[in-house]
Amino acid sequence: MSFFKKTLASLGIGSANVDTIIHQEALVPGQKVQVTIEVTGGATEQHIDNIDLKLCCQYKKEVKRNRDSGSRTDVITQTHVLADWSLPYAFTIEPKQERKFELELDLPLNTPVTIGDSNVWVQTGLDISLGLDPKDKDPITVRPDDLFDGVLTALETEGLRIRQVECEYVKGFELPFVQEFEFVPFDGPYHGRWRELEMIAHRAKDELQLWFEIDRRHQGGALGLLSSMLGCGELKRQLSLPTRLTPEEAGKQVIDFLNQTT
């Protein structure tokens, strides 16, 4: 092995590569994910200390900044690791050698649904001794489970259309963020009565928890009010749906609940 090749590999040129393959086109929270990690050797032999895989998402957070002209509020983007996995042993990869690692991951119950500005991805990295660490980033598609899909379908049937979906920072919750859904009534019984409906969903093992806020006037703000109110314990419209319900039953309970509280 030449000194020149060693030096190039340490700079990431001709180094080993990593590629992660997700075998399902669309995933559902709580589902098992089949993953193949492929490592291909570069121009020279290299020692791999570890393979690290992370399931990540992003959320938005309001931050107050003090400036000479006064304070202002900015919205920044934070990354959260929902789950991670590491190879339990080191290995050596020869030039052009190919190695595959099969694994099965549990997609966490509160993995954000990839609608609107909500993104979820798998990031894989090789920890290479005395070299730059190659990385691979793969976006994934996450769909709602049957119960939550029943809720969304019922809201749409009542004339409510999703306008925006974002993951937003929240204090004092299980995760540092919640996924907030904003609906606007374009038809049906709420048209002309509501300006918008905001909803947060959180999945526990045996139930789906929902929080609602109905806006009859424009309240402004960079981010939705619902996440900040949840963090302060000020939300009153809360509904828990047992997971034993059918999607149709879950949707009906949500509509009945909204009609009773308005």
Protein backbone atom coordinates (compact mmCIF):
# COMPACT_ATOMS: atom_id res chain seq x y z
CA MET A 1 0.00 0.00 0.00
CA SER A 2 1.60 3.26 -1.11
CA PHE A 3 2.02 6.30 1.11
CA PHE A 4 0.20 8.35 -1.55
CA LYS A 5 -2.89 6.11 -1.47
CA LYS A 6 -2.91 6.18 2.33
CA THR A 7 -2.78 9.96 2.33
CA LEU A 8 -5.59 10.29 -0.23
CA ALA A 9 -7.79 7.85 1.72
CA SER A 10 -7.25 9.86 4.92
CA LEU A 11 -8.56 12.89 3.03
CA GLY A 12 -11.61 10.99 1.84
CA ILE A 13 -10.35 10.46 -1.72
CA GLY A 14 -10.60 6.82 -2.75
CA SER A 15 -12.04 5.99 0.66
CA ALA A 16 -14.66 3.35 1.47
CA ASN A 17 -18.30 4.21 0.72
CA VAL A 18 -21.51 3.42 2.59
CA ASP A 19 -25.01 3.12 1.14
CA THR A 20 -28.20 2.39 3.09
CA ILE A 21 -31.17 0.70 1.43
CA ILE A 22 -34.66 0.91 2.95
CA HIS A 23 -36.70 -1.99 1.59
CA GLN A 24 -40.19 -0.46 2.07
CA GLU A 25 -41.36 2.44 -0.09
CA ALA A 26 -43.61 3.86 2.65
CA LEU A 27 -43.46 3.26 6.39
CA VAL A 28 -45.98 3.47 9.24
CA PRO A 29 -45.07 4.45 12.83
CA GLY A 30 -44.67 1.36 14.99
CA GLN A 31 -43.72 -0.75 11.97
CA LYS A 32 -40.52 -2.77 11.64
CA VAL A 33 -38.15 -1.43 8.99
CA GLN A 34 -35.92 -3.72 6.94
CA VAL A 35 -32.56 -2.10 6.22
CA THR A 36 -29.47 -3.18 4.30
CA ILE A 37 -26.20 -1.30 4.81
CA GLU A 38 -23.70 -1.79 1.98
CA VAL A 39 -20.04 -0.90 2.55
CA THR A 40 -17.68 -0.84 -0.46
CA GLY A 41 -13.93 -0.65 -0.04
CA GLY A 42 -11.96 2.15 -1.65
CA ALA A 43 -8.48 2.24 -3.13
CA THR A 44 -6.77 0.97 -0.01
CA GLU A 45 -7.41 -1.24 3.00
CA GLN A 46 -9.19 0.63 5.81
CA HIS A 47 -10.21 -0.20 9.36
CA ILE A 48 -13.85 0.60 10.15
CA ASP A 49 -14.33 1.29 13.85
CA ASN A 50 -18.09 1.51 13.65
CA ILE A 51 -21.18 1.92 11.47
CA ASP A 52 -23.64 4.39 12.93
CA LEU A 53 -27.23 4.72 11.69
CA LYS A 54 -29.64 7.42 12.91
CA LEU A 55 -33.32 8.04 12.21
CA CYS A 56 -33.71 11.84 12.23
CA CYS A 57 -36.32 14.54 11.85
CA GLN A 58 -36.39 18.32 12.16
CA TYR A 59 -38.51 20.71 14.16
CA LYS A 60 -38.82 24.48 14.39
CA LYS A 61 -38.14 26.54 17.47
CA GLU A 62 -38.64 30.21 18.23
CA VAL A 63 -35.55 31.88 19.73
CA LYS A 64 -35.39 35.42 21.09
CA ARG A 65 -32.26 37.33 20.13
CA ASN A 66 -31.10 40.63 21.61
CA ARG A 67 -29.76 43.14 19.11
CA ASP A 68 -28.69 46.77 19.30
CA SER A 69 -32.04 47.80 17.85
CA GLY A 70 -33.94 45.67 20.37
CA SER A 71 -34.99 42.05 20.73
CA ARG A 72 -36.46 39.97 17.91
CA THR A 73 -37.77 36.45 17.55
CA ASP A 74 -36.22 34.12 14.98
CA VAL A 75 -37.34 30.66 13.93
CA ILE A 76 -34.50 28.13 13.82
CA THR A 77 -34.45 24.50 12.70
CA GLN A 78 -33.29 21.77 15.09
CA THR A 79 -32.52 18.12 14.35
CA HIS A 80 -33.80 15.37 16.62
CA VAL A 81 -32.60 11.74 16.60
CA LEU A 82 -35.65 9.50 16.93
CA ALA A 83 -33.67 6.25 17.03
CA ASP A 84 -30.11 5.06 16.42
CA TRP A 85 -28.18 1.85 15.86
CA SER A 86 -24.48 0.98 15.95
CA LEU A 87 -22.59 -2.05 14.66
CA PRO A 88 -21.34 -3.94 17.75
CA TYR A 89 -17.88 -4.69 16.31
CA ALA A 90 -15.09 -3.22 14.18
CA PHE A 91 -13.86 -4.70 10.88
CA THR A 92 -11.40 -4.16 8.05
CA ILE A 93 -12.56 -3.51 4.49
CA GLU A 94 -10.21 -4.49 1.66
CA PRO A 95 -9.90 -2.50 -1.60
CA LYS A 96 -13.11 -2.85 -3.67
CA GLN A 97 -14.47 -5.42 -1.19
CA GLU A 98 -18.25 -5.36 -0.61
CA ARG A 99 -19.86 -6.13 2.72
CA LYS A 100 -23.56 -6.10 3.58
CA PHE A 101 -25.24 -5.80 6.96
CA GLU A 102 -28.92 -6.64 7.38
CA LEU A 103 -30.86 -5.14 10.27
CA GLU A 104 -34.40 -4.56 11.46
CA LEU A 105 -35.41 -1.33 13.15
CA ASP A 106 -38.59 -0.35 14.98
CA LEU A 107 -40.02 2.90 13.65
CA PRO A 108 -40.99 4.87 16.80
CA LEU A 109 -44.71 5.43 17.35
CA ASN A 110 -44.33 9.21 17.17
CA THR A 111 -42.24 9.41 14.05
CA PRO A 112 -43.65 12.43 12.16
CA VAL A 113 -45.84 11.79 9.16
CA THR A 114 -44.04 13.18 6.11
CA ILE A 115 -46.63 15.75 5.04
CA GLY A 116 -45.93 19.42 4.37
CA ASP A 117 -42.66 20.62 5.89
CA SER A 118 -42.14 17.49 8.00
CA ASN A 119 -39.09 15.51 6.84
CA VAL A 120 -37.69 12.23 8.15
CA TRP A 121 -34.48 10.59 7.01
CA VAL A 122 -31.95 7.88 7.79
CA GLN A 123 -28.34 9.02 8.14
CA THR A 124 -25.55 6.45 8.06
CA GLY A 125 -21.89 7.05 8.79
CA LEU A 126 -18.67 5.04 8.75
CA ASP A 127 -16.21 5.70 11.56
CA ILE A 128 -12.85 5.19 9.81
CA SER A 129 -9.56 5.18 11.70
CA LEU A 130 -7.32 8.10 10.64
CA GLY A 131 -9.67 9.20 7.87
CA LEU A 132 -12.69 11.27 6.94
CA ASP A 133 -15.95 9.53 7.79
CA PRO A 134 -18.19 8.85 4.75
CA LYS A 135 -21.92 9.51 5.26
CA ASP A 136 -25.14 8.58 3.51
CA LYS A 137 -28.50 10.38 3.91
CA ASP A 138 -31.74 8.77 2.72
CA PRO A 139 -35.17 10.46 3.06
CA ILE A 140 -38.04 8.14 3.95
CA THR A 141 -41.80 8.37 3.49
CA VAL A 142 -43.93 7.98 6.63
CA ARG A 143 -47.70 7.52 6.35
CA PRO A 144 -50.27 7.67 9.18
CA ASP A 145 -51.41 4.40 10.74
CA ASP A 146 -54.98 3.22 10.16
CA LEU A 147 -56.39 4.86 13.31
CA PHE A 148 -54.93 8.30 12.60
CA ASP A 149 -55.78 7.98 8.92
CA GLY A 150 -59.41 7.48 10.00
CA VAL A 151 -59.24 10.78 11.90
CA LEU A 152 -57.76 12.66 8.93
CA THR A 153 -60.32 11.14 6.56
CA ALA A 154 -63.22 12.17 8.81
CA LEU A 155 -61.96 15.76 9.02
CA GLU A 156 -61.58 15.93 5.25
CA THR A 157 -65.10 14.53 4.79
CA GLU A 158 -66.41 17.40 6.93
CA GLY A 159 -64.84 19.92 4.57
CA LEU A 160 -61.55 20.54 6.39
CA ARG A 161 -58.42 20.65 4.25
CA ILE A 162 -54.84 20.44 5.52
CA ARG A 163 -53.08 23.77 4.96
CA GLN A 164 -49.83 23.20 6.83
CA VAL A 165 -48.05 20.51 8.82
CA GLU A 166 -44.97 21.31 10.90
CA CYS A 167 -42.99 19.86 13.75
CA GLU A 168 -42.68 22.49 16.46
CA TYR A 169 -40.75 22.77 19.72
CA VAL A 170 -42.63 22.12 22.96
CA LYS A 171 -41.57 22.20 26.61
CA GLY A 172 -42.28 19.53 29.20
CA PHE A 173 -43.38 16.85 26.75
CA GLU A 174 -42.13 13.35 26.02
CA LEU A 175 -40.33 14.60 22.91
CA PRO A 176 -38.85 18.08 22.37
CA PHE A 177 -41.39 18.65 19.59
CA VAL A 178 -44.92 17.85 18.47
CA GLN A 179 -46.33 17.59 14.96
CA GLU A 180 -49.03 20.19 14.42
CA PHE A 181 -51.67 19.95 11.70
CA GLU A 182 -53.49 23.08 10.52
CA PHE A 183 -56.82 22.71 8.71
CA VAL A 184 -58.99 25.31 6.98
CA PRO A 185 -62.71 24.77 6.29
CA PHE A 186 -63.28 25.05 2.55
CA ASP A 187 -66.75 23.49 2.63
CA GLY A 188 -69.20 21.81 4.97
CA PRO A 189 -70.59 22.71 8.41
CA TYR A 190 -67.52 24.63 9.65
CA HIS A 191 -67.17 26.87 6.62
CA GLY A 192 -67.78 30.46 7.68
CA ARG A 193 -67.69 29.51 11.39
CA TRP A 194 -64.01 28.66 11.87
CA ARG A 195 -60.93 30.33 10.48
CA GLU A 196 -58.81 27.24 11.12
CA LEU A 197 -58.51 24.10 13.23
CA GLU A 198 -55.17 23.13 14.77
CA MET A 199 -54.54 19.58 15.93
CA ILE A 200 -51.68 17.77 17.65
CA ALA A 201 -51.52 13.97 17.71
CA HIS A 202 -49.43 11.86 20.09
CA ARG A 203 -49.42 8.07 19.98
CA ALA A 204 -49.09 6.02 23.16
CA LYS A 205 -49.04 2.23 23.28
CA ASP A 206 -52.78 1.79 23.78
CA GLU A 207 -54.24 5.14 22.71
CA LEU A 208 -54.03 8.04 20.32
CA GLN A 209 -54.07 11.37 22.15
CA LEU A 210 -55.38 14.43 20.30
CA TRP A 211 -55.39 18.11 21.22
CA PHE A 212 -57.45 20.70 19.35
CA GLU A 213 -57.62 24.47 19.14
CA ILE A 214 -60.28 26.25 17.08
CA ASP A 215 -59.35 29.67 15.73
CA ARG A 216 -62.27 31.92 14.82
CA ARG A 217 -60.02 34.89 14.08
CA HIS A 218 -56.47 35.35 12.81
CA GLN A 219 -54.10 35.19 15.79
CA GLY A 220 -50.78 35.57 13.93
CA GLY A 221 -47.37 34.46 15.14
CA ALA A 222 -44.46 32.78 13.40
CA LEU A 223 -45.48 29.34 14.67
CA GLY A 224 -48.83 27.88 15.71
CA LEU A 225 -50.25 28.61 19.14
CA LEU A 226 -51.15 25.01 19.89
CA SER A 227 -47.65 23.73 20.67
CA SER A 228 -46.88 26.59 23.07
CA MET A 229 -50.23 26.13 24.83
CA LEU A 230 -49.60 22.40 25.18
CA GLY A 231 -46.26 23.10 26.85
CA CYS A 232 -47.96 25.39 29.38
CA GLY A 233 -50.78 22.94 30.10
CA GLU A 234 -53.41 25.41 28.84
CA LEU A 235 -55.13 23.19 26.29
CA LYS A 236 -58.61 22.04 27.26
CA ARG A 237 -59.79 20.27 24.12
CA GLN A 238 -58.18 16.86 24.54
CA LEU A 239 -59.48 13.52 23.30
CA SER A 240 -58.04 10.03 23.80
CA LEU A 241 -58.90 7.31 21.31
CA PRO A 242 -58.25 3.65 22.26
CA THR A 243 -56.26 1.82 19.61
CA ARG A 244 -58.90 -0.94 19.54
CA LEU A 245 -61.24 1.41 17.64
CA THR A 246 -61.73 1.01 13.91
CA PRO A 247 -60.66 3.96 11.73
CA GLU A 248 -64.32 4.81 11.09
CA GLU A 249 -65.14 4.78 14.82
CA ALA A 250 -62.12 6.99 15.57
CA GLY A 251 -63.16 9.51 12.93
CA LYS A 252 -66.75 9.64 14.22
CA GLN A 253 -65.60 10.21 17.81
CA VAL A 254 -63.43 13.14 16.70
CA ILE A 255 -66.28 14.82 14.78
CA ASP A 256 -68.70 14.26 17.68
CA PHE A 257 -66.15 15.71 20.11
CA LEU A 258 -65.59 18.82 17.99
CA ASN A 259 -69.32 19.39 17.61
CA GLN A 260 -69.86 19.13 21.36
CA THR A 261 -67.09 21.60 22.23
CA THR A 262 -68.05 24.35 19.76
